[in-house]
């Protein structure tokens, strides 16, 4: 499998937002390793409330800065289970890895979060491709690393 990251996806219309519970693994990881979370993250509600993508990216960037951890996205992804992230929840019960990845890609596209994900097959290979809107400037690396670890977890446990 090959993952291809694209930058510069342009979206129009609504402001990209993420479901607040998508930040739960980040906040939980920070608490577990004893990070003093910035006020920015402390104000995030959990559950189905949504927050602007710009705000979410800023939280990722700020926690990476405070922790001094350049690999924060990978570490949080490694410590998380795909079932705990909204797009990953739809993977549970899928009979194959391919169907699981397709279900995750469909879930990503259900709401305006500034991300697109799709699967391209080339011969016997499947490529997971993702693209974020230009709006995600801060925290982009951490968000991409986290998403990569979640996709890897889906494949590994498939």
N, C-alpha and C. Protein backbone atom coordinates (compact mmCIF):
# COMPACT_ATOMS: atom_id res chain seq x y z
N UNK A 1 0.84 -1.16 0.00
CA UNK A 1 0.00 0.00 0.00
C UNK A 1 0.89 1.23 0.00
N UNK A 2 0.44 2.26 -0.65
CA UNK A 2 1.18 3.51 -0.72
C UNK A 2 0.22 4.63 -0.34
N UNK A 3 0.69 5.55 0.48
CA UNK A 3 -0.13 6.69 0.86
C UNK A 3 0.43 7.91 0.15
N UNK A 4 -0.43 8.66 -0.49
CA UNK A 4 -0.03 9.86 -1.20
C UNK A 4 -0.70 11.05 -0.55
N UNK A 5 0.08 12.03 -0.13
CA UNK A 5 -0.45 13.24 0.48
C UNK A 5 -0.51 14.32 -0.58
N UNK A 6 -1.60 15.04 -0.64
CA UNK A 6 -1.72 16.16 -1.56
C UNK A 6 -1.95 17.43 -0.77
N UNK A 7 -1.37 18.49 -1.23
CA UNK A 7 -1.56 19.78 -0.60
C UNK A 7 -2.19 20.72 -1.62
N UNK A 8 -2.92 21.67 -1.14
CA UNK A 8 -3.45 22.68 -2.03
C UNK A 8 -4.86 22.41 -2.50
N UNK A 9 -5.55 21.45 -1.87
CA UNK A 9 -6.94 21.22 -2.25
C UNK A 9 -7.74 22.46 -1.89
N UNK A 10 -8.51 22.94 -2.80
CA UNK A 10 -9.30 24.14 -2.56
C UNK A 10 -10.75 23.75 -2.34
N UNK A 11 -11.32 24.31 -1.30
CA UNK A 11 -12.74 24.09 -1.05
C UNK A 11 -13.41 25.45 -1.02
N UNK A 12 -14.65 25.46 -1.40
CA UNK A 12 -15.41 26.70 -1.33
C UNK A 12 -16.64 26.44 -0.50
N UNK A 13 -17.26 27.50 -0.08
CA UNK A 13 -18.50 27.35 0.68
C UNK A 13 -18.24 27.39 2.16
N UNK A 14 -18.74 26.39 2.85
CA UNK A 14 -18.70 26.36 4.31
C UNK A 14 -17.27 26.32 4.85
N UNK A 15 -17.11 26.83 6.06
CA UNK A 15 -15.82 26.77 6.74
C UNK A 15 -15.58 25.33 7.17
N UNK A 16 -14.45 24.74 6.81
CA UNK A 16 -14.18 23.36 7.22
C UNK A 16 -14.18 23.23 8.74
N UNK A 17 -14.85 22.21 9.22
CA UNK A 17 -14.98 21.97 10.65
C UNK A 17 -14.69 20.50 10.93
N UNK A 18 -14.26 20.22 12.14
CA UNK A 18 -14.05 18.83 12.55
C UNK A 18 -14.91 18.56 13.78
N UNK A 19 -15.30 17.31 13.92
CA UNK A 19 -16.06 16.90 15.10
C UNK A 19 -15.10 16.92 16.28
N UNK A 20 -15.50 17.55 17.36
CA UNK A 20 -14.61 17.74 18.50
C UNK A 20 -14.04 16.43 19.02
N UNK A 21 -14.80 15.35 18.96
CA UNK A 21 -14.28 14.08 19.49
C UNK A 21 -13.08 13.57 18.69
N UNK A 22 -12.84 14.13 17.48
CA UNK A 22 -11.64 13.75 16.74
C UNK A 22 -10.38 14.24 17.45
N UNK A 23 -10.53 15.23 18.33
CA UNK A 23 -9.39 15.74 19.08
C UNK A 23 -9.18 14.98 20.39
N UNK A 24 -10.14 14.13 20.76
CA UNK A 24 -10.01 13.38 22.01
C UNK A 24 -8.71 12.59 22.12
N UNK A 25 -8.27 11.86 21.06
CA UNK A 25 -7.01 11.13 21.21
C UNK A 25 -5.83 12.06 21.51
N UNK A 26 -5.82 13.25 20.94
CA UNK A 26 -4.74 14.21 21.20
C UNK A 26 -4.78 14.67 22.65
N UNK A 27 -5.94 15.06 23.12
CA UNK A 27 -6.08 15.55 24.50
C UNK A 27 -5.77 14.43 25.49
N UNK A 28 -6.28 13.23 25.23
CA UNK A 28 -6.03 12.08 26.11
C UNK A 28 -4.55 11.74 26.15
N UNK A 29 -3.89 11.75 25.00
CA UNK A 29 -2.46 11.48 24.94
C UNK A 29 -1.70 12.52 25.77
N UNK A 30 -2.04 13.78 25.57
CA UNK A 30 -1.38 14.85 26.33
C UNK A 30 -1.51 14.66 27.82
N UNK A 31 -2.70 14.32 28.27
CA UNK A 31 -2.93 14.09 29.70
C UNK A 31 -2.16 12.87 30.19
N UNK A 32 -2.14 11.81 29.37
CA UNK A 32 -1.48 10.56 29.77
C UNK A 32 0.03 10.75 29.95
N UNK A 33 0.64 11.59 29.12
CA UNK A 33 2.09 11.79 29.24
C UNK A 33 2.43 12.98 30.13
N UNK A 34 1.41 13.55 30.79
CA UNK A 34 1.64 14.60 31.76
C UNK A 34 1.90 15.97 31.18
N UNK A 35 1.44 16.22 29.96
CA UNK A 35 1.61 17.54 29.36
C UNK A 35 0.66 18.53 30.01
N UNK A 36 1.17 19.71 30.23
CA UNK A 36 0.29 20.80 30.64
C UNK A 36 -0.33 21.32 29.36
N UNK A 37 -1.60 20.97 29.15
CA UNK A 37 -2.24 21.34 27.89
C UNK A 37 -2.50 22.83 27.84
N UNK A 38 -2.26 23.43 26.70
CA UNK A 38 -2.52 24.87 26.57
C UNK A 38 -4.00 25.17 26.74
N UNK A 39 -4.28 26.40 27.13
CA UNK A 39 -5.67 26.83 27.30
C UNK A 39 -6.48 26.57 26.05
N UNK A 40 -5.82 26.61 24.94
CA UNK A 40 -6.48 26.38 23.66
C UNK A 40 -7.21 25.04 23.65
N UNK A 41 -6.52 23.98 24.07
CA UNK A 41 -7.12 22.64 24.06
C UNK A 41 -8.11 22.47 25.20
N UNK A 42 -7.89 23.15 26.30
CA UNK A 42 -8.78 23.00 27.44
C UNK A 42 -10.20 23.46 27.12
N UNK A 43 -10.35 24.36 26.16
CA UNK A 43 -11.67 24.88 25.83
C UNK A 43 -12.44 24.05 24.83
N UNK A 44 -11.85 22.96 24.33
CA UNK A 44 -12.53 22.13 23.34
C UNK A 44 -13.56 21.25 24.02
N UNK A 45 -14.77 21.29 23.51
CA UNK A 45 -15.81 20.40 23.99
C UNK A 45 -15.58 19.04 23.35
N UNK A 46 -16.15 18.02 23.96
CA UNK A 46 -16.07 16.70 23.34
C UNK A 46 -17.42 16.35 22.76
N UNK A 47 -17.49 15.25 22.11
CA UNK A 47 -18.75 14.80 21.55
C UNK A 47 -18.93 15.24 20.12
N UNK A 48 -20.18 15.50 19.76
CA UNK A 48 -20.53 15.82 18.38
C UNK A 48 -20.44 17.29 18.03
N UNK A 49 -20.05 18.13 18.98
CA UNK A 49 -19.86 19.55 18.66
C UNK A 49 -18.76 19.65 17.61
N UNK A 50 -18.80 20.69 16.80
CA UNK A 50 -17.76 20.87 15.80
C UNK A 50 -16.95 22.12 16.11
N UNK A 51 -15.69 22.08 15.69
CA UNK A 51 -14.81 23.22 15.84
C UNK A 51 -14.20 23.51 14.47
N UNK A 52 -13.86 24.76 14.18
CA UNK A 52 -13.24 25.06 12.90
C UNK A 52 -11.92 24.30 12.73
N UNK A 53 -11.66 23.86 11.52
CA UNK A 53 -10.43 23.15 11.20
C UNK A 53 -9.20 23.97 11.59
N UNK A 54 -9.26 25.27 11.38
CA UNK A 54 -8.12 26.14 11.74
C UNK A 54 -7.82 26.04 13.23
N UNK A 55 -8.85 25.99 14.05
CA UNK A 55 -8.70 25.89 15.50
C UNK A 55 -8.09 24.53 15.86
N UNK A 56 -8.59 23.47 15.23
CA UNK A 56 -8.07 22.13 15.51
C UNK A 56 -6.59 22.03 15.13
N UNK A 57 -6.23 22.57 13.96
CA UNK A 57 -4.82 22.56 13.56
C UNK A 57 -3.95 23.33 14.53
N UNK A 58 -4.48 24.44 15.02
CA UNK A 58 -3.73 25.24 15.99
C UNK A 58 -3.49 24.47 17.28
N UNK A 59 -4.48 23.69 17.70
CA UNK A 59 -4.32 22.87 18.91
C UNK A 59 -3.20 21.84 18.70
N UNK A 60 -3.23 21.14 17.56
CA UNK A 60 -2.16 20.17 17.27
C UNK A 60 -0.79 20.86 17.29
N UNK A 61 -0.69 21.99 16.63
CA UNK A 61 0.58 22.71 16.56
C UNK A 61 1.05 23.16 17.94
N UNK A 62 0.12 23.68 18.72
CA UNK A 62 0.49 24.20 20.05
C UNK A 62 0.93 23.08 20.99
N UNK A 63 0.24 21.95 20.97
CA UNK A 63 0.65 20.84 21.83
C UNK A 63 1.99 20.27 21.38
N UNK A 64 2.24 20.22 20.08
CA UNK A 64 3.56 19.78 19.58
C UNK A 64 4.64 20.74 20.05
N UNK A 65 4.35 22.04 20.01
CA UNK A 65 5.33 23.05 20.44
C UNK A 65 5.60 22.93 21.94
N UNK A 66 4.54 22.84 22.73
CA UNK A 66 4.69 22.76 24.19
C UNK A 66 5.45 21.49 24.58
N UNK A 67 5.16 20.38 23.91
CA UNK A 67 5.79 19.11 24.25
C UNK A 67 7.20 18.99 23.68
N UNK A 68 7.50 19.80 22.64
CA UNK A 68 8.79 19.68 21.98
C UNK A 68 8.90 18.41 21.15
N UNK A 69 7.77 17.79 20.83
CA UNK A 69 7.74 16.51 20.14
C UNK A 69 7.38 16.70 18.67
N UNK A 70 8.38 16.63 17.79
CA UNK A 70 8.14 16.77 16.35
C UNK A 70 7.31 15.62 15.79
N UNK A 71 7.36 14.47 16.44
CA UNK A 71 6.61 13.30 15.98
C UNK A 71 5.30 13.10 16.71
N UNK A 72 4.73 14.17 17.23
CA UNK A 72 3.52 14.07 18.04
C UNK A 72 2.39 13.37 17.31
N UNK A 73 2.13 13.72 16.06
CA UNK A 73 1.04 13.09 15.31
C UNK A 73 1.20 11.59 15.21
N UNK A 74 2.43 11.13 14.95
CA UNK A 74 2.69 9.69 14.86
C UNK A 74 2.50 9.02 16.21
N UNK A 75 3.00 9.67 17.28
CA UNK A 75 2.88 9.09 18.61
C UNK A 75 1.42 9.01 19.08
N UNK A 76 0.65 10.06 18.81
CA UNK A 76 -0.76 10.04 19.20
C UNK A 76 -1.50 8.99 18.38
N UNK A 77 -1.18 8.88 17.09
CA UNK A 77 -1.80 7.86 16.25
C UNK A 77 -1.45 6.45 16.71
N UNK A 78 -0.21 6.25 17.14
CA UNK A 78 0.23 4.94 17.62
C UNK A 78 -0.49 4.58 18.92
N UNK A 79 -0.75 5.56 19.76
CA UNK A 79 -1.41 5.33 21.04
C UNK A 79 -2.94 5.26 20.91
N UNK A 80 -3.46 5.51 19.71
CA UNK A 80 -4.91 5.53 19.49
C UNK A 80 -5.36 4.28 18.77
N UNK A 81 -6.64 4.03 18.86
CA UNK A 81 -7.25 2.94 18.11
C UNK A 81 -8.13 3.56 17.04
N UNK A 82 -8.14 2.97 15.86
CA UNK A 82 -8.95 3.56 14.78
C UNK A 82 -10.42 3.61 15.15
N UNK A 83 -10.86 2.72 16.03
CA UNK A 83 -12.27 2.71 16.44
C UNK A 83 -12.64 3.96 17.23
N UNK A 84 -11.64 4.66 17.77
CA UNK A 84 -11.90 5.84 18.59
C UNK A 84 -12.00 7.13 17.77
N UNK A 85 -11.74 7.06 16.48
CA UNK A 85 -11.79 8.23 15.60
C UNK A 85 -13.00 8.06 14.70
N UNK A 86 -13.85 9.09 14.57
CA UNK A 86 -15.11 8.92 13.81
C UNK A 86 -14.99 8.20 12.48
N UNK A 87 -14.07 8.55 11.56
CA UNK A 87 -14.03 7.78 10.31
C UNK A 87 -13.64 6.32 10.53
N UNK A 88 -12.86 6.05 11.55
CA UNK A 88 -12.44 4.68 11.83
C UNK A 88 -13.53 3.82 12.43
N UNK A 89 -14.53 4.43 13.06
CA UNK A 89 -15.60 3.68 13.69
C UNK A 89 -16.40 2.87 12.67
N UNK A 90 -16.50 3.38 11.45
CA UNK A 90 -17.29 2.67 10.43
C UNK A 90 -16.53 1.48 9.86
N UNK A 91 -15.26 1.31 10.21
CA UNK A 91 -14.46 0.21 9.71
C UNK A 91 -14.75 -1.08 10.47
N UNK A 92 -15.16 -0.94 11.72
CA UNK A 92 -15.42 -2.11 12.56
C UNK A 92 -16.47 -2.98 11.88
N UNK A 93 -16.17 -4.25 11.74
CA UNK A 93 -17.11 -5.19 11.14
C UNK A 93 -16.97 -5.35 9.64
N UNK A 94 -16.11 -4.55 8.99
CA UNK A 94 -15.91 -4.73 7.55
C UNK A 94 -15.15 -6.03 7.32
N UNK A 95 -15.56 -6.82 6.33
CA UNK A 95 -14.95 -8.14 6.14
C UNK A 95 -13.54 -8.12 5.56
N UNK A 96 -13.14 -7.03 4.89
CA UNK A 96 -11.81 -6.98 4.29
C UNK A 96 -11.17 -5.62 4.56
N UNK A 97 -9.86 -5.56 4.40
CA UNK A 97 -9.14 -4.29 4.55
C UNK A 97 -9.63 -3.29 3.51
N UNK A 98 -9.79 -3.75 2.28
CA UNK A 98 -10.25 -2.86 1.20
C UNK A 98 -11.59 -2.23 1.52
N UNK A 99 -12.52 -3.03 2.00
CA UNK A 99 -13.83 -2.48 2.35
C UNK A 99 -13.73 -1.55 3.55
N UNK A 100 -12.86 -1.88 4.47
CA UNK A 100 -12.67 -1.00 5.63
C UNK A 100 -12.12 0.36 5.23
N UNK A 101 -11.10 0.35 4.36
CA UNK A 101 -10.54 1.61 3.89
C UNK A 101 -11.55 2.40 3.07
N UNK A 102 -12.34 1.71 2.25
CA UNK A 102 -13.37 2.39 1.46
C UNK A 102 -14.42 3.00 2.39
N UNK A 103 -14.78 2.29 3.46
CA UNK A 103 -15.75 2.82 4.43
C UNK A 103 -15.19 4.06 5.13
N UNK A 104 -13.90 4.02 5.48
CA UNK A 104 -13.27 5.18 6.12
C UNK A 104 -13.24 6.36 5.16
N UNK A 105 -12.90 6.12 3.90
CA UNK A 105 -12.86 7.19 2.91
C UNK A 105 -14.24 7.81 2.73
N UNK A 106 -15.28 6.97 2.69
CA UNK A 106 -16.65 7.49 2.56
C UNK A 106 -17.04 8.32 3.77
N UNK A 107 -16.62 7.88 4.96
CA UNK A 107 -16.95 8.61 6.19
C UNK A 107 -16.29 9.98 6.21
N UNK A 108 -15.05 10.06 5.73
CA UNK A 108 -14.34 11.35 5.69
C UNK A 108 -15.11 12.35 4.83
N UNK A 109 -15.70 11.87 3.74
CA UNK A 109 -16.39 12.75 2.82
C UNK A 109 -17.79 13.16 3.24
N UNK A 110 -18.28 12.65 4.36
CA UNK A 110 -19.65 12.93 4.77
C UNK A 110 -19.85 14.31 5.38
N UNK A 111 -18.80 14.93 5.80
CA UNK A 111 -18.96 16.26 6.37
C UNK A 111 -17.81 17.14 5.94
N UNK A 112 -18.00 18.43 6.01
CA UNK A 112 -17.04 19.41 5.51
C UNK A 112 -15.91 19.62 6.52
N UNK A 113 -14.93 18.71 6.49
CA UNK A 113 -13.81 18.84 7.42
C UNK A 113 -12.53 19.28 6.72
N UNK A 114 -12.64 19.62 5.44
CA UNK A 114 -11.46 20.09 4.72
C UNK A 114 -10.55 18.99 4.25
N UNK A 115 -10.97 17.73 4.40
CA UNK A 115 -10.15 16.60 3.98
C UNK A 115 -10.92 15.77 2.96
N UNK A 116 -10.17 15.23 2.03
CA UNK A 116 -10.71 14.26 1.08
C UNK A 116 -9.83 13.02 1.18
N UNK A 117 -10.44 11.87 1.03
CA UNK A 117 -9.70 10.61 1.08
C UNK A 117 -10.32 9.68 0.05
N UNK A 118 -9.49 9.00 -0.71
CA UNK A 118 -10.00 8.04 -1.67
C UNK A 118 -8.97 6.95 -1.89
N UNK A 119 -9.42 5.84 -2.46
CA UNK A 119 -8.57 4.69 -2.72
C UNK A 119 -8.42 4.56 -4.24
N UNK A 120 -7.19 4.39 -4.69
CA UNK A 120 -6.91 4.15 -6.11
C UNK A 120 -6.22 2.81 -6.21
N UNK A 121 -6.70 1.96 -7.10
CA UNK A 121 -6.03 0.68 -7.30
C UNK A 121 -5.17 0.74 -8.55
N UNK A 122 -3.97 0.22 -8.44
CA UNK A 122 -3.03 0.13 -9.55
C UNK A 122 -2.52 -1.30 -9.56
N UNK A 123 -3.08 -2.09 -10.47
CA UNK A 123 -2.74 -3.50 -10.48
C UNK A 123 -3.21 -4.14 -9.19
N UNK A 124 -2.30 -4.81 -8.51
CA UNK A 124 -2.65 -5.46 -7.24
C UNK A 124 -2.47 -4.54 -6.04
N UNK A 125 -2.01 -3.31 -6.28
CA UNK A 125 -1.76 -2.36 -5.19
C UNK A 125 -2.96 -1.45 -4.97
N UNK A 126 -3.13 -1.04 -3.74
CA UNK A 126 -4.16 -0.05 -3.40
C UNK A 126 -3.44 1.15 -2.80
N UNK A 127 -3.73 2.32 -3.31
CA UNK A 127 -3.12 3.55 -2.81
C UNK A 127 -4.18 4.32 -2.05
N UNK A 128 -3.86 4.67 -0.82
CA UNK A 128 -4.74 5.53 -0.03
C UNK A 128 -4.28 6.95 -0.30
N UNK A 129 -5.16 7.77 -0.80
CA UNK A 129 -4.80 9.15 -1.14
C UNK A 129 -5.64 10.10 -0.30
N UNK A 130 -4.98 11.14 0.19
CA UNK A 130 -5.63 12.12 1.05
C UNK A 130 -5.23 13.51 0.62
N UNK A 131 -6.12 14.44 0.85
CA UNK A 131 -5.85 15.83 0.53
C UNK A 131 -6.54 16.70 1.57
N UNK A 132 -5.83 17.70 2.04
CA UNK A 132 -6.40 18.69 2.96
C UNK A 132 -6.55 20.03 2.25
N UNK A 133 -7.50 20.78 2.70
CA UNK A 133 -7.70 22.13 2.18
C UNK A 133 -6.51 23.02 2.52
N UNK A 134 -6.32 24.07 1.76
CA UNK A 134 -5.28 25.06 2.05
C UNK A 134 -5.46 25.68 3.42
N UNK A 135 -6.69 25.66 3.93
CA UNK A 135 -6.99 26.31 5.21
C UNK A 135 -6.21 25.69 6.37
N UNK A 136 -5.82 24.42 6.25
CA UNK A 136 -5.07 23.77 7.33
C UNK A 136 -3.59 24.08 7.16
N UNK A 137 -3.17 25.17 7.76
CA UNK A 137 -1.77 25.56 7.69
C UNK A 137 -1.05 25.18 8.98
N UNK A 138 -1.63 25.53 10.10
CA UNK A 138 -1.02 25.23 11.39
C UNK A 138 -1.38 23.80 11.79
N UNK A 139 -0.39 23.06 12.24
CA UNK A 139 -0.63 21.70 12.69
C UNK A 139 -0.77 20.68 11.57
N UNK A 140 -0.51 21.09 10.35
CA UNK A 140 -0.72 20.22 9.19
C UNK A 140 0.10 18.93 9.29
N UNK A 141 1.35 19.06 9.66
CA UNK A 141 2.21 17.87 9.74
C UNK A 141 1.68 16.89 10.78
N UNK A 142 1.32 17.39 11.96
CA UNK A 142 0.83 16.52 13.02
C UNK A 142 -0.48 15.83 12.60
N UNK A 143 -1.38 16.58 11.97
CA UNK A 143 -2.65 16.01 11.51
C UNK A 143 -2.40 14.92 10.46
N UNK A 144 -1.52 15.19 9.51
CA UNK A 144 -1.20 14.19 8.48
C UNK A 144 -0.54 12.95 9.08
N UNK A 145 0.39 13.15 10.01
CA UNK A 145 1.04 12.01 10.65
C UNK A 145 0.04 11.17 11.43
N UNK A 146 -0.85 11.83 12.15
CA UNK A 146 -1.88 11.13 12.91
C UNK A 146 -2.76 10.29 11.97
N UNK A 147 -3.24 10.90 10.89
CA UNK A 147 -4.10 10.20 9.94
C UNK A 147 -3.37 9.01 9.32
N UNK A 148 -2.08 9.18 9.02
CA UNK A 148 -1.30 8.08 8.46
C UNK A 148 -1.26 6.90 9.43
N UNK A 149 -1.02 7.16 10.71
CA UNK A 149 -0.98 6.09 11.71
C UNK A 149 -2.33 5.39 11.83
N UNK A 150 -3.42 6.14 11.73
CA UNK A 150 -4.75 5.53 11.82
C UNK A 150 -4.97 4.61 10.62
N UNK A 151 -4.61 5.06 9.42
CA UNK A 151 -4.74 4.21 8.22
C UNK A 151 -3.87 2.97 8.37
N UNK A 152 -2.65 3.14 8.88
CA UNK A 152 -1.77 1.99 9.09
C UNK A 152 -2.37 1.01 10.09
N UNK A 153 -3.04 1.52 11.10
CA UNK A 153 -3.68 0.66 12.10
C UNK A 153 -4.83 -0.14 11.46
N UNK A 154 -5.58 0.51 10.58
CA UNK A 154 -6.67 -0.20 9.87
C UNK A 154 -6.08 -1.35 9.06
N UNK A 155 -4.99 -1.09 8.34
CA UNK A 155 -4.36 -2.13 7.52
C UNK A 155 -3.78 -3.23 8.40
N UNK A 156 -3.08 -2.83 9.44
CA UNK A 156 -2.42 -3.80 10.32
C UNK A 156 -3.43 -4.73 10.98
N UNK A 157 -4.55 -4.19 11.42
CA UNK A 157 -5.52 -4.99 12.15
C UNK A 157 -6.57 -5.62 11.23
N UNK A 158 -6.48 -5.32 9.93
CA UNK A 158 -7.45 -5.86 8.98
C UNK A 158 -7.26 -7.29 8.79
